[in-house]
Amino acid sequence: MSELWVSILLVAAVSVGIKAAGPALLGDRELPPSASAVIAALAPALLAGLVVTDITGQGWSALDWRLCAGLGVAGGAYLLKLPAMPSIALAVVVTAGLRWVV
């Protein structure tokens, strides 16, 4: 077995161990409210960071204003109480239309 597969299996085993550690250590105990608040805020913060780094590129050098317009349309549609999928579809149409025109 090559070193690559050994490292892949090792990373997979560590990942499973980390995921199993929470339920194994906590059991049926409730988390403190402060920990629950941090966990609840973690996913949106990570998603926002991924979106910003994907839009702006390395060193803010690849900023695409058409993609920013599409994200703005998606956010506005979602704020107007449109469901998530139509909001995303509208953003895709606006972004593709702007890329086609310009």
N, C-alpha and C. Protein backbone atom coordinates (compact mmCIF):
# COMPACT_ATOMS: atom_id res chain seq x y z
N MET A 1 0.86 -1.17 0.00
CA MET A 1 0.00 0.00 0.00
C MET A 1 0.90 1.24 0.00
N SER A 2 0.57 2.19 -0.84
CA SER A 2 1.42 3.37 -0.95
C SER A 2 1.21 4.31 0.25
N GLU A 3 2.15 5.23 0.38
CA GLU A 3 2.09 6.18 1.49
C GLU A 3 0.87 7.08 1.40
N LEU A 4 0.43 7.35 0.17
CA LEU A 4 -0.75 8.19 -0.02
C LEU A 4 -1.98 7.55 0.60
N TRP A 5 -2.18 6.26 0.34
CA TRP A 5 -3.36 5.59 0.87
C TRP A 5 -3.29 5.44 2.38
N VAL A 6 -2.10 5.25 2.90
CA VAL A 6 -1.96 5.18 4.36
C VAL A 6 -2.35 6.51 4.98
N SER A 7 -1.91 7.61 4.38
CA SER A 7 -2.27 8.93 4.93
C SER A 7 -3.75 9.21 4.76
N ILE A 8 -4.37 8.77 3.65
CA ILE A 8 -5.81 8.96 3.46
C ILE A 8 -6.58 8.19 4.52
N LEU A 9 -6.19 6.94 4.77
CA LEU A 9 -6.87 6.14 5.80
C LEU A 9 -6.66 6.73 7.19
N LEU A 10 -5.47 7.26 7.45
CA LEU A 10 -5.21 7.88 8.74
C LEU A 10 -6.07 9.13 8.94
N VAL A 11 -6.17 9.97 7.92
CA VAL A 11 -7.01 11.17 8.02
C VAL A 11 -8.47 10.78 8.20
N ALA A 12 -8.93 9.75 7.49
CA ALA A 12 -10.32 9.30 7.64
C ALA A 12 -10.57 8.78 9.05
N ALA A 13 -9.63 8.03 9.60
CA ALA A 13 -9.80 7.50 10.96
C ALA A 13 -9.83 8.62 11.99
N VAL A 14 -8.96 9.62 11.83
CA VAL A 14 -8.96 10.76 12.76
C VAL A 14 -10.26 11.53 12.64
N SER A 15 -10.77 11.69 11.43
CA SER A 15 -12.04 12.41 11.24
C SER A 15 -13.19 11.68 11.92
N VAL A 16 -13.26 10.38 11.76
CA VAL A 16 -14.31 9.60 12.42
C VAL A 16 -14.16 9.68 13.93
N GLY A 17 -12.93 9.62 14.41
CA GLY A 17 -12.70 9.73 15.85
C GLY A 17 -13.14 11.06 16.42
N ILE A 18 -12.86 12.14 15.70
CA ILE A 18 -13.26 13.47 16.17
C ILE A 18 -14.78 13.58 16.17
N LYS A 19 -15.42 13.07 15.13
CA LYS A 19 -16.89 13.15 15.07
C LYS A 19 -17.55 12.30 16.15
N ALA A 20 -16.92 11.19 16.52
CA ALA A 20 -17.49 10.32 17.55
C ALA A 20 -17.20 10.82 18.95
N ALA A 21 -16.22 11.69 19.10
CA ALA A 21 -15.81 12.14 20.43
C ALA A 21 -16.89 12.97 21.11
N GLY A 22 -17.59 13.81 20.35
CA GLY A 22 -18.62 14.66 20.96
C GLY A 22 -19.73 13.87 21.63
N PRO A 23 -20.43 13.00 20.90
CA PRO A 23 -21.47 12.20 21.56
C PRO A 23 -20.93 11.27 22.64
N ALA A 24 -19.73 10.74 22.45
CA ALA A 24 -19.18 9.82 23.43
C ALA A 24 -18.83 10.54 24.73
N LEU A 25 -18.31 11.75 24.63
CA LEU A 25 -17.91 12.48 25.83
C LEU A 25 -19.07 13.19 26.50
N LEU A 26 -19.99 13.73 25.70
CA LEU A 26 -21.09 14.49 26.29
C LEU A 26 -22.25 13.62 26.74
N GLY A 27 -22.50 12.55 26.02
CA GLY A 27 -23.61 11.68 26.37
C GLY A 27 -24.93 12.41 26.20
N ASP A 28 -25.76 12.38 27.23
CA ASP A 28 -27.07 13.04 27.18
C ASP A 28 -27.07 14.41 27.86
N ARG A 29 -25.90 14.91 28.20
CA ARG A 29 -25.84 16.20 28.86
C ARG A 29 -26.13 17.33 27.89
N GLU A 30 -26.72 18.38 28.39
CA GLU A 30 -27.00 19.57 27.59
C GLU A 30 -25.76 20.46 27.58
N LEU A 31 -25.54 21.11 26.46
CA LEU A 31 -24.45 22.08 26.38
C LEU A 31 -24.84 23.36 27.09
N PRO A 32 -23.87 24.10 27.62
CA PRO A 32 -24.19 25.40 28.20
C PRO A 32 -24.72 26.34 27.12
N PRO A 33 -25.54 27.30 27.49
CA PRO A 33 -26.10 28.22 26.49
C PRO A 33 -25.04 28.98 25.69
N SER A 34 -23.93 29.32 26.33
CA SER A 34 -22.88 30.04 25.59
C SER A 34 -22.26 29.15 24.52
N ALA A 35 -22.07 27.87 24.81
CA ALA A 35 -21.51 26.95 23.81
C ALA A 35 -22.50 26.72 22.68
N SER A 36 -23.77 26.63 23.00
CA SER A 36 -24.79 26.46 21.96
C SER A 36 -24.85 27.68 21.05
N ALA A 37 -24.68 28.86 21.62
CA ALA A 37 -24.69 30.08 20.81
C ALA A 37 -23.49 30.12 19.87
N VAL A 38 -22.33 29.71 20.34
CA VAL A 38 -21.14 29.70 19.49
C VAL A 38 -21.31 28.69 18.37
N ILE A 39 -21.82 27.51 18.67
CA ILE A 39 -22.03 26.48 17.65
C ILE A 39 -23.06 26.95 16.63
N ALA A 40 -24.10 27.62 17.08
CA ALA A 40 -25.13 28.10 16.15
C ALA A 40 -24.59 29.19 15.23
N ALA A 41 -23.66 30.00 15.70
CA ALA A 41 -23.11 31.09 14.89
C ALA A 41 -21.94 30.64 14.01
N LEU A 42 -21.40 29.46 14.26
CA LEU A 42 -20.21 29.01 13.55
C LEU A 42 -20.48 28.71 12.08
N ALA A 43 -21.55 28.00 11.78
CA ALA A 43 -21.83 27.62 10.39
C ALA A 43 -22.09 28.83 9.49
N PRO A 44 -22.92 29.80 9.88
CA PRO A 44 -23.09 30.96 9.01
C PRO A 44 -21.81 31.78 8.83
N ALA A 45 -21.00 31.86 9.88
CA ALA A 45 -19.75 32.61 9.77
C ALA A 45 -18.79 31.92 8.81
N LEU A 46 -18.68 30.60 8.89
CA LEU A 46 -17.81 29.88 7.97
C LEU A 46 -18.32 29.98 6.54
N LEU A 47 -19.63 29.88 6.36
CA LEU A 47 -20.19 30.01 5.02
C LEU A 47 -19.94 31.39 4.44
N ALA A 48 -20.11 32.43 5.25
CA ALA A 48 -19.85 33.79 4.77
C ALA A 48 -18.38 33.96 4.39
N GLY A 49 -17.49 33.40 5.17
CA GLY A 49 -16.07 33.47 4.84
C GLY A 49 -15.74 32.75 3.54
N LEU A 50 -16.34 31.59 3.33
CA LEU A 50 -16.12 30.86 2.08
C LEU A 50 -16.65 31.63 0.88
N VAL A 51 -17.82 32.23 1.03
CA VAL A 51 -18.40 32.99 -0.08
C VAL A 51 -17.54 34.20 -0.41
N VAL A 52 -17.09 34.92 0.60
CA VAL A 52 -16.29 36.12 0.36
C VAL A 52 -14.96 35.76 -0.30
N THR A 53 -14.30 34.73 0.18
CA THR A 53 -13.02 34.35 -0.42
C THR A 53 -13.21 33.79 -1.82
N ASP A 54 -14.33 33.16 -2.08
CA ASP A 54 -14.58 32.64 -3.43
C ASP A 54 -14.88 33.77 -4.40
N ILE A 55 -15.61 34.78 -3.96
CA ILE A 55 -15.97 35.90 -4.84
C ILE A 55 -14.77 36.78 -5.12
N THR A 56 -13.99 37.09 -4.11
CA THR A 56 -12.93 38.07 -4.28
C THR A 56 -11.64 37.49 -4.85
N GLY A 57 -11.42 36.22 -4.69
CA GLY A 57 -10.20 35.63 -5.20
C GLY A 57 -9.02 35.92 -4.30
N GLN A 58 -7.85 35.50 -4.75
CA GLN A 58 -6.66 35.67 -3.94
C GLN A 58 -6.24 37.14 -3.91
N GLY A 59 -6.15 37.69 -2.75
CA GLY A 59 -5.72 39.08 -2.59
C GLY A 59 -6.71 40.08 -3.18
N TRP A 60 -7.98 39.76 -3.21
CA TRP A 60 -9.03 40.62 -3.75
C TRP A 60 -8.76 41.00 -5.20
N SER A 61 -8.09 40.14 -5.94
CA SER A 61 -7.70 40.48 -7.30
C SER A 61 -8.70 40.00 -8.35
N ALA A 62 -9.60 39.12 -8.01
CA ALA A 62 -10.51 38.55 -9.00
C ALA A 62 -11.97 38.88 -8.68
N LEU A 63 -12.23 40.07 -8.18
CA LEU A 63 -13.59 40.44 -7.80
C LEU A 63 -14.46 40.54 -9.05
N ASP A 64 -15.54 39.78 -9.07
CA ASP A 64 -16.45 39.75 -10.21
C ASP A 64 -17.73 40.48 -9.82
N TRP A 65 -17.96 41.66 -10.36
CA TRP A 65 -19.12 42.47 -9.98
C TRP A 65 -20.41 41.81 -10.41
N ARG A 66 -20.38 40.99 -11.47
CA ARG A 66 -21.60 40.31 -11.92
C ARG A 66 -22.04 39.26 -10.90
N LEU A 67 -21.07 38.58 -10.31
CA LEU A 67 -21.38 37.61 -9.26
C LEU A 67 -21.90 38.32 -8.01
N CYS A 68 -21.32 39.47 -7.70
CA CYS A 68 -21.81 40.26 -6.56
C CYS A 68 -23.26 40.70 -6.80
N ALA A 69 -23.59 41.08 -8.04
CA ALA A 69 -24.96 41.47 -8.35
C ALA A 69 -25.91 40.29 -8.17
N GLY A 70 -25.49 39.12 -8.62
CA GLY A 70 -26.32 37.92 -8.44
C GLY A 70 -26.54 37.59 -6.99
N LEU A 71 -25.50 37.72 -6.17
CA LEU A 71 -25.66 37.47 -4.73
C LEU A 71 -26.58 38.50 -4.09
N GLY A 72 -26.48 39.74 -4.55
CA GLY A 72 -27.38 40.77 -4.04
C GLY A 72 -28.82 40.48 -4.38
N VAL A 73 -29.06 40.01 -5.60
CA VAL A 73 -30.42 39.65 -6.01
C VAL A 73 -30.93 38.48 -5.18
N ALA A 74 -30.07 37.49 -4.93
CA ALA A 74 -30.48 36.34 -4.11
C ALA A 74 -30.83 36.78 -2.69
N GLY A 75 -30.00 37.64 -2.12
CA GLY A 75 -30.28 38.14 -0.77
C GLY A 75 -31.55 38.96 -0.71
N GLY A 76 -31.74 39.82 -1.72
CA GLY A 76 -32.96 40.63 -1.75
C GLY A 76 -34.21 39.79 -1.93
N ALA A 77 -34.12 38.78 -2.80
CA ALA A 77 -35.28 37.90 -3.01
C ALA A 77 -35.59 37.11 -1.75
N TYR A 78 -34.56 36.68 -1.06
CA TYR A 78 -34.78 35.93 0.18
C TYR A 78 -35.36 36.84 1.27
N LEU A 79 -34.92 38.10 1.30
CA LEU A 79 -35.49 39.04 2.27
C LEU A 79 -36.95 39.36 1.96
N LEU A 80 -37.33 39.25 0.69
CA LEU A 80 -38.72 39.47 0.31
C LEU A 80 -39.58 38.22 0.51
N LYS A 81 -39.04 37.26 1.27
CA LYS A 81 -39.74 36.04 1.68
C LYS A 81 -39.94 35.04 0.54
N LEU A 82 -39.14 35.13 -0.52
CA LEU A 82 -39.15 34.08 -1.52
C LEU A 82 -38.44 32.87 -0.93
N PRO A 83 -38.87 31.67 -1.29
CA PRO A 83 -38.14 30.49 -0.80
C PRO A 83 -36.70 30.48 -1.32
N ALA A 84 -35.89 29.65 -0.72
CA ALA A 84 -34.46 29.64 -1.04
C ALA A 84 -34.20 29.24 -2.49
N MET A 85 -34.84 28.21 -2.99
CA MET A 85 -34.55 27.73 -4.34
C MET A 85 -34.92 28.76 -5.42
N PRO A 86 -36.09 29.39 -5.37
CA PRO A 86 -36.35 30.45 -6.36
C PRO A 86 -35.40 31.63 -6.23
N SER A 87 -34.98 31.95 -5.02
CA SER A 87 -34.00 33.03 -4.84
C SER A 87 -32.69 32.68 -5.52
N ILE A 88 -32.24 31.45 -5.35
CA ILE A 88 -31.00 31.01 -5.99
C ILE A 88 -31.15 30.98 -7.50
N ALA A 89 -32.29 30.48 -7.97
CA ALA A 89 -32.53 30.43 -9.42
C ALA A 89 -32.53 31.83 -10.02
N LEU A 90 -33.13 32.77 -9.34
CA LEU A 90 -33.15 34.15 -9.81
C LEU A 90 -31.73 34.73 -9.85
N ALA A 91 -30.94 34.42 -8.84
CA ALA A 91 -29.56 34.89 -8.82
C ALA A 91 -28.75 34.30 -9.96
N VAL A 92 -28.98 33.03 -10.26
CA VAL A 92 -28.27 32.39 -11.37
C VAL A 92 -28.65 33.05 -12.68
N VAL A 93 -29.93 33.32 -12.87
CA VAL A 93 -30.39 33.95 -14.11
C VAL A 93 -29.79 35.34 -14.25
N VAL A 94 -29.78 36.12 -13.18
CA VAL A 94 -29.23 37.48 -13.24
C VAL A 94 -27.73 37.44 -13.52
N THR A 95 -27.01 36.56 -12.82
CA THR A 95 -25.56 36.47 -13.05
C THR A 95 -25.24 36.02 -14.45
N ALA A 96 -25.94 35.00 -14.93
CA ALA A 96 -25.69 34.51 -16.30
C ALA A 96 -26.08 35.58 -17.32
N GLY A 97 -27.16 36.28 -17.08
CA GLY A 97 -27.56 37.35 -18.01
C GLY A 97 -26.54 38.46 -18.07
N LEU A 98 -26.02 38.87 -16.93
CA LEU A 98 -24.99 39.91 -16.91
C LEU A 98 -23.71 39.45 -17.58
N ARG A 99 -23.35 38.20 -17.39
CA ARG A 99 -22.14 37.69 -18.05
C ARG A 99 -22.35 37.58 -19.55
N TRP A 100 -23.57 37.30 -19.98
CA TRP A 100 -23.86 37.18 -21.41
C TRP A 100 -23.85 38.56 -22.08
N VAL A 101 -24.41 39.56 -21.38
CA VAL A 101 -24.51 40.90 -21.94
C VAL A 101 -23.15 41.60 -21.94
N VAL A 102 -22.45 41.51 -20.83
CA VAL A 102 -21.19 42.25 -20.70
C VAL A 102 -20.00 41.36 -21.00
